[in-house]
Amino acid sequence: MKFLRRLPVKILYSFLIICVILISFPRTTYAAQAFRSASHYNTSGSTAERTTTEPTGVVQGDVLVMVILKNQSSMTLSLPTGWTSLGNASDGNLGYAIGWIARGSSAPSYTFGIGTTNTRTPQAFVFAFSGVDTTNPITDFQVSTTDTDGFESVGVGTDSDPPAVTAGTNDLILTGVARTLEYNTGAAPTGYTVQSNVNEIGVNAISDSLLSGSQDPVEFTGQTTGTEVIWHGYTLALAAAKASAKSIIKIKGGVRIKGGVKFR
């Protein structure tokens, strides 16, 4: 203790401040993400606006992802009011609209548009996730890029391969494909579980575990019927909610700095 008493006051004071900063430096922790539930709309009708339902068990703070698919002509898909769009494209009979919203204290709008009053049957899937960052929930989003709309044309027996993404730390991955009438639904890629499935229109799957870094879901297999088909694939990584934790230090006895240092 004698050498401490001989230290200049400013040096000792600076040393104490540095110690406090180092010990109390924030450490980032990540929430445990989880897939909660999904809802599905597939009703035929002749109105330009359709309303799907909220997935069961949704609570404030959940992140919702909507995937709207079509396999009929004359439809222009649009997300409900308030949803953030990730992608929207159409190629003849095939089209998609994908977006997200953070669930507030009340339910958001689930009314989406199809742009026509002709009798049509769009497909709308809503996936609910807990533990996701509500401000920036999407780490990465990719669609097939063979042409500008993200559609690919393949032959009989060719499995559809959604694109790879770069995940953050402990992300959940949602991936899927949509196709024309001739294309039947296949099995999910290894490590993924199908959570929605409409034969000849689309299939969506969610990763069985939290993933980090480059992730390629590879193929939805078993799609072997029909003539030449057109499909699109999409993949998105959902970012885990982050929280900062600080270590707290307590100095017992106290330090008095007034022209010198005195330990009690």
C-alpha atoms as a PDB file:
ATOM      1  CA  MET A   1       0.000   0.000   0.000  1.00  0.00           C
ATOM      2  CA  LYS A   2       2.981   2.356   0.587  1.00  0.00           C
ATOM      3  CA  PHE A   3       3.819   2.550  -3.132  1.00  0.00           C
ATOM      4  CA  LEU A   4       0.202   3.492  -3.893  1.00  0.00           C
ATOM      5  CA  ARG A   5       0.417   6.396  -1.443  1.00  0.00           C
ATOM      6  CA  ARG A   6       3.478   7.677  -3.300  1.00  0.00           C
ATOM      7  CA  LEU A   7       1.735   7.624  -6.720  1.00  0.00           C
ATOM      8  CA  PRO A   8       0.641  11.002  -8.126  1.00  0.00           C
ATOM      9  CA  VAL A   9      -3.058  11.571  -7.616  1.00  0.00           C
ATOM     10  CA  LYS A  10      -3.858  12.020 -11.318  1.00  0.00           C
ATOM     11  CA  ILE A  11      -2.147   8.751 -12.283  1.00  0.00           C
ATOM     12  CA  LEU A  12      -3.979   6.744  -9.646  1.00  0.00           C
ATOM     13  CA  TYR A  13      -7.293   8.349 -10.491  1.00  0.00           C
ATOM     14  CA  SER A  14      -6.814   7.576 -14.194  1.00  0.00           C
ATOM     15  CA  PHE A  15      -5.912   3.990 -13.320  1.00  0.00           C
ATOM     16  CA  LEU A  16      -9.156   3.548 -11.374  1.00  0.00           C
ATOM     17  CA  ILE A  17     -11.220   4.971 -14.250  1.00  0.00           C
ATOM     18  CA  ILE A  18      -9.588   2.599 -16.753  1.00  0.00           C
ATOM     19  CA  CYS A  19     -10.310  -0.373 -14.486  1.00  0.00           C
ATOM     20  CA  VAL A  20     -13.981   0.595 -14.244  1.00  0.00           C
ATOM     21  CA  ILE A  21     -14.267   0.970 -18.047  1.00  0.00           C
ATOM     22  CA  LEU A  22     -12.628  -2.389 -18.739  1.00  0.00           C
ATOM     23  CA  ILE A  23     -14.651  -4.315 -16.177  1.00  0.00           C
ATOM     24  CA  SER A  24     -17.995  -2.729 -17.097  1.00  0.00           C
ATOM     25  CA  PHE A  25     -17.548  -2.951 -20.879  1.00  0.00           C
ATOM     26  CA  PRO A  26     -20.851  -4.193 -22.379  1.00  0.00           C
ATOM     27  CA  ARG A  27     -21.017  -7.796 -23.569  1.00  0.00           C
ATOM     28  CA  THR A  28     -23.472  -8.651 -26.354  1.00  0.00           C
ATOM     29  CA  THR A  29     -25.785 -11.591 -25.767  1.00  0.00           C
ATOM     30  CA  TYR A  30     -28.303 -13.109 -28.180  1.00  0.00           C
ATOM     31  CA  ALA A  31     -31.867 -14.239 -27.623  1.00  0.00           C
ATOM     32  CA  ALA A  32     -32.859 -17.812 -28.392  1.00  0.00           C
ATOM     33  CA  GLN A  33     -34.894 -17.639 -31.580  1.00  0.00           C
ATOM     34  CA  ALA A  34     -37.743 -20.029 -32.184  1.00  0.00           C
ATOM     35  CA  PHE A  35     -40.406 -20.680 -34.808  1.00  0.00           C
ATOM     36  CA  ARG A  36     -43.755 -20.144 -33.110  1.00  0.00           C
ATOM     37  CA  SER A  37     -46.479 -21.045 -35.618  1.00  0.00           C
ATOM     38  CA  ALA A  38     -47.844 -20.363 -39.101  1.00  0.00           C
ATOM     39  CA  SER A  39     -51.146 -19.545 -40.785  1.00  0.00           C
ATOM     40  CA  HIS A  40     -52.216 -20.170 -44.372  1.00  0.00           C
ATOM     41  CA  TYR A  41     -54.744 -18.573 -46.742  1.00  0.00           C
ATOM     42  CA  ASN A  42     -55.825 -20.431 -49.906  1.00  0.00           C
ATOM     43  CA  THR A  43     -59.408 -19.362 -50.582  1.00  0.00           C
ATOM     44  CA  SER A  44     -60.852 -18.912 -54.062  1.00  0.00           C
ATOM     45  CA  GLY A  45     -62.714 -15.657 -54.607  1.00  0.00           C
ATOM     46  CA  SER A  46     -63.332 -12.668 -56.878  1.00  0.00           C
ATOM     47  CA  THR A  47     -62.236  -9.740 -54.683  1.00  0.00           C
ATOM     48  CA  ALA A  48     -59.047  -7.745 -55.167  1.00  0.00           C
ATOM     49  CA  GLU A  49     -58.234  -7.771 -51.450  1.00  0.00           C
ATOM     50  CA  ARG A  50     -57.962 -10.860 -49.270  1.00  0.00           C
ATOM     51  CA  THR A  51     -57.471 -11.235 -45.518  1.00  0.00           C
ATOM     52  CA  THR A  52     -55.520 -14.033 -43.912  1.00  0.00           C
ATOM     53  CA  THR A  53     -55.331 -14.848 -40.189  1.00  0.00           C
ATOM     54  CA  GLU A  54     -52.710 -14.303 -37.532  1.00  0.00           C
ATOM     55  CA  PRO A  55     -50.720 -17.400 -36.510  1.00  0.00           C
ATOM     56  CA  THR A  56     -51.751 -18.869 -33.165  1.00  0.00           C
ATOM     57  CA  GLY A  57     -49.934 -17.867 -30.000  1.00  0.00           C
ATOM     58  CA  VAL A  58     -48.438 -14.660 -31.407  1.00  0.00           C
ATOM     59  CA  VAL A  59     -47.443 -12.069 -28.790  1.00  0.00           C
ATOM     60  CA  GLN A  60     -46.075  -8.538 -28.832  1.00  0.00           C
ATOM     61  CA  GLY A  61     -42.435  -8.530 -29.934  1.00  0.00           C
ATOM     62  CA  ASP A  62     -42.743 -11.464 -32.340  1.00  0.00           C
ATOM     63  CA  VAL A  63     -41.537 -10.973 -35.910  1.00  0.00           C
ATOM     64  CA  LEU A  64     -43.913 -12.056 -38.679  1.00  0.00           C
ATOM     65  CA  VAL A  65     -42.866 -13.005 -42.209  1.00  0.00           C
ATOM     66  CA  MET A  66     -45.497 -13.156 -44.969  1.00  0.00           C
ATOM     67  CA  VAL A  67     -45.018 -15.073 -48.224  1.00  0.00           C
ATOM     68  CA  ILE A  68     -47.711 -14.562 -50.888  1.00  0.00           C
ATOM     69  CA  LEU A  69     -47.609 -16.825 -53.955  1.00  0.00           C
ATOM     70  CA  LYS A  70     -49.594 -17.049 -57.167  1.00  0.00           C
ATOM     71  CA  ASN A  71     -49.689 -19.565 -60.009  1.00  0.00           C
ATOM     72  CA  GLN A  72     -52.407 -17.897 -62.081  1.00  0.00           C
ATOM     73  CA  SER A  73     -52.294 -14.953 -64.485  1.00  0.00           C
ATOM     74  CA  SER A  74     -53.689 -11.420 -64.036  1.00  0.00           C
ATOM     75  CA  MET A  75     -52.627 -11.138 -60.392  1.00  0.00           C
ATOM     76  CA  THR A  76     -50.426  -8.361 -59.018  1.00  0.00           C
ATOM     77  CA  LEU A  77     -49.507  -9.226 -55.443  1.00  0.00           C
ATOM     78  CA  SER A  78     -49.079  -6.612 -52.712  1.00  0.00           C
ATOM     79  CA  LEU A  79     -48.334  -6.865 -48.996  1.00  0.00           C
ATOM     80  CA  PRO A  80     -50.655  -5.517 -46.282  1.00  0.00           C
ATOM     81  CA  THR A  81     -50.259  -1.922 -45.145  1.00  0.00           C
ATOM     82  CA  GLY A  82     -47.369  -1.460 -42.720  1.00  0.00           C
ATOM     83  CA  TRP A  83     -45.337  -4.479 -43.815  1.00  0.00           C
ATOM     84  CA  THR A  84     -41.752  -4.041 -45.051  1.00  0.00           C
ATOM     85  CA  SER A  85     -41.203  -5.580 -48.484  1.00  0.00           C
ATOM     86  CA  LEU A  86     -38.248  -7.878 -49.130  1.00  0.00           C
ATOM     87  CA  GLY A  87     -39.128  -8.839 -52.689  1.00  0.00           C
ATOM     88  CA  ASN A  88     -41.967  -8.703 -55.197  1.00  0.00           C
ATOM     89  CA  ALA A  89     -41.913 -10.128 -58.717  1.00  0.00           C
ATOM     90  CA  SER A  90     -44.121 -11.679 -61.387  1.00  0.00           C
ATOM     91  CA  ASP A  91     -43.389 -13.796 -64.441  1.00  0.00           C
ATOM     92  CA  GLY A  92     -46.588 -14.729 -66.267  1.00  0.00           C
ATOM     93  CA  ASN A  93     -48.516 -17.168 -64.107  1.00  0.00           C
ATOM     94  CA  LEU A  94     -45.931 -17.209 -61.337  1.00  0.00           C
ATOM     95  CA  GLY A  95     -45.315 -14.497 -58.756  1.00  0.00           C
ATOM     96  CA  TYR A  96     -44.443 -13.755 -55.164  1.00  0.00           C
ATOM     97  CA  ALA A  97     -44.422 -11.008 -52.543  1.00  0.00           C
ATOM     98  CA  ILE A  98     -42.405 -11.415 -49.350  1.00  0.00           C
ATOM     99  CA  GLY A  99     -42.191  -9.068 -46.354  1.00  0.00           C
ATOM    100  CA  TRP A 100     -42.045  -8.748 -42.582  1.00  0.00           C
ATOM    101  CA  ILE A 101     -43.455  -6.791 -39.649  1.00  0.00           C
ATOM    102  CA  ALA A 102     -42.823  -6.691 -35.903  1.00  0.00           C
ATOM    103  CA  ARG A 103     -45.927  -7.499 -33.862  1.00  0.00           C
ATOM    104  CA  GLY A 104     -46.964  -4.574 -31.667  1.00  0.00           C
ATOM    105  CA  SER A 105     -49.506  -4.464 -28.857  1.00  0.00           C
ATOM    106  CA  SER A 106     -52.276  -5.056 -31.407  1.00  0.00           C
ATOM    107  CA  ALA A 107     -52.439  -7.196 -34.528  1.00  0.00           C
ATOM    108  CA  PRO A 108     -51.164  -5.675 -37.791  1.00  0.00           C
ATOM    109  CA  SER A 109     -53.150  -5.683 -41.010  1.00  0.00           C
ATOM    110  CA  TYR A 110     -53.376  -9.083 -42.668  1.00  0.00           C
ATOM    111  CA  THR A 111     -55.211  -7.791 -45.764  1.00  0.00           C
ATOM    112  CA  PHE A 112     -53.137  -8.238 -48.925  1.00  0.00           C
ATOM    113  CA  GLY A 113     -53.899  -7.387 -52.550  1.00  0.00           C
ATOM    114  CA  ILE A 114     -54.000  -9.492 -55.707  1.00  0.00           C
ATOM    115  CA  GLY A 115     -54.820  -6.692 -58.179  1.00  0.00           C
ATOM    116  CA  THR A 116     -57.810  -8.317 -59.901  1.00  0.00           C
ATOM    117  CA  THR A 117     -61.453  -9.203 -59.353  1.00  0.00           C
ATOM    118  CA  ASN A 118     -61.175 -12.272 -61.548  1.00  0.00           C
ATOM    119  CA  THR A 119     -61.763 -15.506 -59.674  1.00  0.00           C
ATOM    120  CA  ARG A 120     -58.367 -16.464 -58.289  1.00  0.00           C
ATOM    121  CA  THR A 121     -56.839 -18.520 -55.454  1.00  0.00           C
ATOM    122  CA  PRO A 122     -53.701 -16.877 -54.072  1.00  0.00           C
ATOM    123  CA  GLN A 123     -51.646 -18.530 -51.355  1.00  0.00           C
ATOM    124  CA  ALA A 124     -50.536 -16.485 -48.339  1.00  0.00           C
ATOM    125  CA  PHE A 125     -48.358 -17.899 -45.570  1.00  0.00           C
ATOM    126  CA  VAL A 126     -47.562 -16.043 -42.344  1.00  0.00           C
ATOM    127  CA  PHE A 127     -44.728 -17.344 -40.169  1.00  0.00           C
ATOM    128  CA  ALA A 128     -44.305 -16.124 -36.572  1.00  0.00           C
ATOM    129  CA  PHE A 129     -40.935 -16.113 -34.792  1.00  0.00           C
ATOM    130  CA  SER A 130     -39.933 -15.229 -31.237  1.00  0.00           C
ATOM    131  CA  GLY A 131     -36.530 -13.923 -30.127  1.00  0.00           C
ATOM    132  CA  VAL A 132     -35.888 -12.067 -33.393  1.00  0.00           C
ATOM    133  CA  ASP A 133     -34.476  -8.536 -33.650  1.00  0.00           C
ATOM    134  CA  THR A 134     -37.557  -6.352 -34.172  1.00  0.00           C
ATOM    135  CA  THR A 135     -35.616  -3.412 -35.665  1.00  0.00           C
ATOM    136  CA  ASN A 136     -33.404  -5.216 -38.185  1.00  0.00           C
ATOM    137  CA  PRO A 137     -34.768  -8.767 -38.298  1.00  0.00           C
ATOM    138  CA  ILE A 138     -33.348  -9.827 -41.664  1.00  0.00           C
ATOM    139  CA  THR A 139     -29.617 -10.545 -41.752  1.00  0.00           C
ATOM    140  CA  ASP A 140     -29.693 -11.565 -45.411  1.00  0.00           C
ATOM    141  CA  PHE A 141     -32.326 -12.174 -48.098  1.00  0.00           C
ATOM    142  CA  GLN A 142     -31.703 -13.720 -51.508  1.00  0.00           C
ATOM    143  CA  VAL A 143     -33.821 -14.922 -54.427  1.00  0.00           C
ATOM    144  CA  SER A 144     -32.856 -17.006 -57.455  1.00  0.00           C
ATOM    145  CA  THR A 145     -31.114 -14.736 -59.928  1.00  0.00           C
ATOM    146  CA  THR A 146     -31.222 -16.446 -63.320  1.00  0.00           C
ATOM    147  CA  ASP A 147     -33.135 -13.455 -64.665  1.00  0.00           C
ATOM    148  CA  THR A 148     -34.054 -10.035 -63.348  1.00  0.00           C
ATOM    149  CA  ASP A 149     -37.213 -11.239 -61.641  1.00  0.00           C
ATOM    150  CA  GLY A 150     -35.467 -14.094 -59.866  1.00  0.00           C
ATOM    151  CA  PHE A 151     -37.168 -16.888 -61.826  1.00  0.00           C
ATOM    152  CA  GLU A 152     -35.513 -19.956 -63.283  1.00  0.00           C
ATOM    153  CA  SER A 153     -36.625 -22.298 -66.048  1.00  0.00           C
ATOM    154  CA  VAL A 154     -35.703 -25.947 -65.596  1.00  0.00           C
ATOM    155  CA  GLY A 155     -36.599 -29.280 -67.161  1.00  0.00           C
ATOM    156  CA  VAL A 156     -38.393 -32.408 -66.008  1.00  0.00           C
ATOM    157  CA  GLY A 157     -36.960 -34.017 -62.893  1.00  0.00           C
ATOM    158  CA  THR A 158     -34.789 -31.052 -61.929  1.00  0.00           C
ATOM    159  CA  ASP A 159     -34.938 -30.263 -58.219  1.00  0.00           C
ATOM    160  CA  SER A 160     -35.290 -26.612 -57.238  1.00  0.00           C
ATOM    161  CA  ASP A 161     -32.338 -25.132 -55.393  1.00  0.00           C
ATOM    162  CA  PRO A 162     -33.024 -21.978 -53.337  1.00  0.00           C
ATOM    163  CA  PRO A 163     -30.125 -19.537 -52.946  1.00  0.00           C
ATOM    164  CA  ALA A 164     -27.531 -19.426 -50.183  1.00  0.00           C
ATOM    165  CA  VAL A 165     -27.390 -16.648 -47.572  1.00  0.00           C
ATOM    166  CA  THR A 166     -24.855 -15.392 -45.052  1.00  0.00           C
ATOM    167  CA  ALA A 167     -26.315 -15.741 -41.567  1.00  0.00           C
ATOM    168  CA  GLY A 168     -25.281 -13.707 -38.543  1.00  0.00           C
ATOM    169  CA  THR A 169     -24.816 -15.224 -35.089  1.00  0.00           C
ATOM    170  CA  ASN A 170     -27.366 -17.925 -34.271  1.00  0.00           C
ATOM    171  CA  ASP A 171     -29.870 -17.131 -37.032  1.00  0.00           C
ATOM    172  CA  LEU A 172     -32.929 -19.095 -38.078  1.00  0.00           C
ATOM    173  CA  ILE A 173     -33.265 -19.729 -41.807  1.00  0.00           C
ATOM    174  CA  LEU A 174     -36.538 -19.658 -43.779  1.00  0.00           C
ATOM    175  CA  THR A 175     -36.330 -20.999 -47.322  1.00  0.00           C
ATOM    176  CA  GLY A 176     -38.832 -21.926 -49.993  1.00  0.00           C
ATOM    177  CA  VAL A 177     -39.695 -22.344 -53.649  1.00  0.00           C
ATOM    178  CA  ALA A 178     -42.719 -21.638 -55.827  1.00  0.00           C
ATOM    179  CA  ARG A 179     -43.479 -22.983 -59.279  1.00  0.00           C
ATOM    180  CA  THR A 180     -45.969 -23.312 -62.128  1.00  0.00           C
ATOM    181  CA  LEU A 181     -48.839 -25.796 -62.194  1.00  0.00           C
ATOM    182  CA  GLU A 182     -46.778 -28.688 -63.519  1.00  0.00           C
ATOM    183  CA  TYR A 183     -44.370 -28.769 -60.603  1.00  0.00           C
ATOM    184  CA  ASN A 184     -45.198 -30.950 -57.605  1.00  0.00           C
ATOM    185  CA  THR A 185     -43.993 -30.356 -54.072  1.00  0.00           C
ATOM    186  CA  GLY A 186     -40.893 -32.198 -52.873  1.00  0.00           C
ATOM    187  CA  ALA A 187     -39.111 -32.881 -49.599  1.00  0.00           C
ATOM    188  CA  ALA A 188     -37.274 -30.237 -47.572  1.00  0.00           C
ATOM    189  CA  PRO A 189     -33.482 -29.883 -47.690  1.00  0.00           C
ATOM    190  CA  THR A 190     -31.489 -31.777 -45.051  1.00  0.00           C
ATOM    191  CA  GLY A 191     -31.581 -29.932 -41.720  1.00  0.00           C
ATOM    192  CA  TYR A 192     -34.874 -28.205 -42.504  1.00  0.00           C
ATOM    193  CA  THR A 193     -38.508 -29.022 -41.739  1.00  0.00           C
ATOM    194  CA  VAL A 194     -41.423 -28.189 -44.035  1.00  0.00           C
ATOM    195  CA  GLN A 195     -43.823 -25.781 -42.293  1.00  0.00           C
ATOM    196  CA  SER A 196     -46.178 -25.075 -45.199  1.00  0.00           C
ATOM    197  CA  ASN A 197     -46.886 -27.021 -48.330  1.00  0.00           C
ATOM    198  CA  VAL A 198     -49.290 -26.476 -51.230  1.00  0.00           C
ATOM    199  CA  ASN A 199     -48.976 -29.008 -54.016  1.00  0.00           C
ATOM    200  CA  GLU A 200     -48.049 -27.417 -57.361  1.00  0.00           C
ATOM    201  CA  ILE A 201     -47.704 -23.933 -55.870  1.00  0.00           C
ATOM    202  CA  GLY A 202     -45.114 -23.700 -53.118  1.00  0.00           C
ATOM    203  CA  VAL A 203     -43.304 -25.189 -50.173  1.00  0.00           C
ATOM    204  CA  ASN A 204     -41.580 -23.433 -47.265  1.00  0.00           C
ATOM    205  CA  ALA A 205     -39.169 -24.863 -44.716  1.00  0.00           C
ATOM    206  CA  ILE A 206     -37.405 -23.596 -41.580  1.00  0.00           C
ATOM    207  CA  SER A 207     -34.007 -24.677 -40.292  1.00  0.00           C
ATOM    208  CA  ASP A 208     -34.035 -27.201 -37.443  1.00  0.00           C
ATOM    209  CA  SER A 209     -31.284 -25.326 -35.579  1.00  0.00           C
ATOM    210  CA  LEU A 210     -29.715 -21.884 -35.205  1.00  0.00           C
ATOM    211  CA  LEU A 211     -27.076 -21.283 -37.870  1.00  0.00           C
ATOM    212  CA  SER A 212     -24.169 -18.895 -38.458  1.00  0.00           C
ATOM    213  CA  GLY A 213     -22.065 -17.948 -41.474  1.00  0.00           C
ATOM    214  CA  SER A 214     -22.617 -19.072 -45.063  1.00  0.00           C
ATOM    215  CA  GLN A 215     -25.684 -21.300 -45.382  1.00  0.00           C
ATOM    216  CA  ASP A 216     -26.887 -23.068 -48.525  1.00  0.00           C
ATOM    217  CA  PRO A 217     -30.126 -25.044 -48.009  1.00  0.00           C
ATOM    218  CA  VAL A 218     -29.359 -26.994 -51.225  1.00  0.00           C
ATOM    219  CA  GLU A 219     -32.368 -28.660 -52.876  1.00  0.00           C
ATOM    220  CA  PHE A 220     -36.019 -29.429 -52.335  1.00  0.00           C
ATOM    221  CA  THR A 221     -35.954 -32.951 -53.757  1.00  0.00           C
ATOM    222  CA  GLY A 222     -38.475 -35.240 -55.420  1.00  0.00           C
ATOM    223  CA  GLN A 223     -39.978 -32.745 -57.866  1.00  0.00           C
ATOM    224  CA  THR A 224     -40.062 -34.932 -60.954  1.00  0.00           C
ATOM    225  CA  THR A 225     -43.355 -34.486 -62.800  1.00  0.00           C
ATOM    226  CA  GLY A 226     -44.526 -32.220 -65.567  1.00  0.00           C
ATOM    227  CA  THR A 227     -42.918 -30.612 -68.579  1.00  0.00           C
ATOM    228  CA  GLU A 228     -40.502 -27.708 -68.448  1.00  0.00           C
ATOM    229  CA  VAL A 229     -41.289 -25.583 -65.426  1.00  0.00           C
ATOM    230  CA  ILE A 230     -40.510 -22.140 -64.087  1.00  0.00           C
ATOM    231  CA  TRP A 231     -39.843 -21.612 -60.403  1.00  0.00           C
ATOM    232  CA  HIS A 232     -38.236 -19.189 -58.010  1.00  0.00           C
ATOM    233  CA  GLY A 233     -36.406 -19.879 -54.781  1.00  0.00           C
ATOM    234  CA  TYR A 234     -35.865 -17.565 -51.828  1.00  0.00           C
ATOM    235  CA  THR A 235     -33.931 -17.772 -48.583  1.00  0.00           C
ATOM    236  CA  LEU A 236     -33.761 -15.386 -45.644  1.00  0.00           C
ATOM    237  CA  ALA A 237     -31.802 -15.369 -42.398  1.00  0.00           C
ATOM    238  CA  LEU A 238     -33.575 -14.031 -39.305  1.00  0.00           C
ATOM    239  CA  ALA A 239     -31.361 -12.095 -36.895  1.00  0.00           C
ATOM    240  CA  ALA A 240     -31.442 -12.874 -33.186  1.00  0.00           C
ATOM    241  CA  ALA A 241     -32.473 -10.099 -30.806  1.00  0.00           C
ATOM    242  CA  LYS A 242     -29.465  -8.609 -29.048  1.00  0.00           C
ATOM    243  CA  ALA A 243     -29.081  -7.404 -25.459  1.00  0.00           C
ATOM    244  CA  SER A 244     -26.090  -5.813 -23.720  1.00  0.00           C
ATOM    245  CA  ALA A 245     -25.090  -6.939 -20.242  1.00  0.00           C
ATOM    246  CA  LYS A 246     -22.715  -4.954 -18.009  1.00  0.00           C
ATOM    247  CA  SER A 247     -20.575  -6.140 -15.154  1.00  0.00           C
ATOM    248  CA  ILE A 248     -20.925  -4.012 -12.026  1.00  0.00           C
ATOM    249  CA  ILE A 249     -18.024  -3.364  -9.645  1.00  0.00           C
ATOM    250  CA  LYS A 250     -18.278  -2.132  -6.087  1.00  0.00           C
ATOM    251  CA  ILE A 251     -15.362  -0.500  -4.265  1.00  0.00           C
ATOM    252  CA  LYS A 252     -15.673  -1.192  -0.567  1.00  0.00           C
ATOM    253  CA  GLY A 253     -14.275   1.284   1.903  1.00  0.00           C
ATOM    254  CA  GLY A 254     -14.152   4.051  -0.698  1.00  0.00           C
ATOM    255  CA  VAL A 255     -11.412   6.145  -2.258  1.00  0.00           C
ATOM    256  CA  ARG A 256     -10.857   9.747  -1.273  1.00  0.00           C
ATOM    257  CA  ILE A 257      -8.946  11.977  -3.696  1.00  0.00           C
ATOM    258  CA  LYS A 258      -8.172  15.424  -2.378  1.00  0.00           C
ATOM    259  CA  GLY A 259      -4.541  16.365  -2.643  1.00  0.00           C
ATOM    260  CA  GLY A 260      -3.631  12.770  -1.894  1.00  0.00           C
ATOM    261  CA  VAL A 261      -5.043   9.269  -1.552  1.00  0.00           C
ATOM    262  CA  LYS A 262      -6.305   7.845   1.678  1.00  0.00           C
ATOM    263  CA  PHE A 263      -7.425   4.209   2.099  1.00  0.00           C
ATOM    264  CA  ARG A 264      -9.834   3.326   4.873  1.00  0.00           C
END
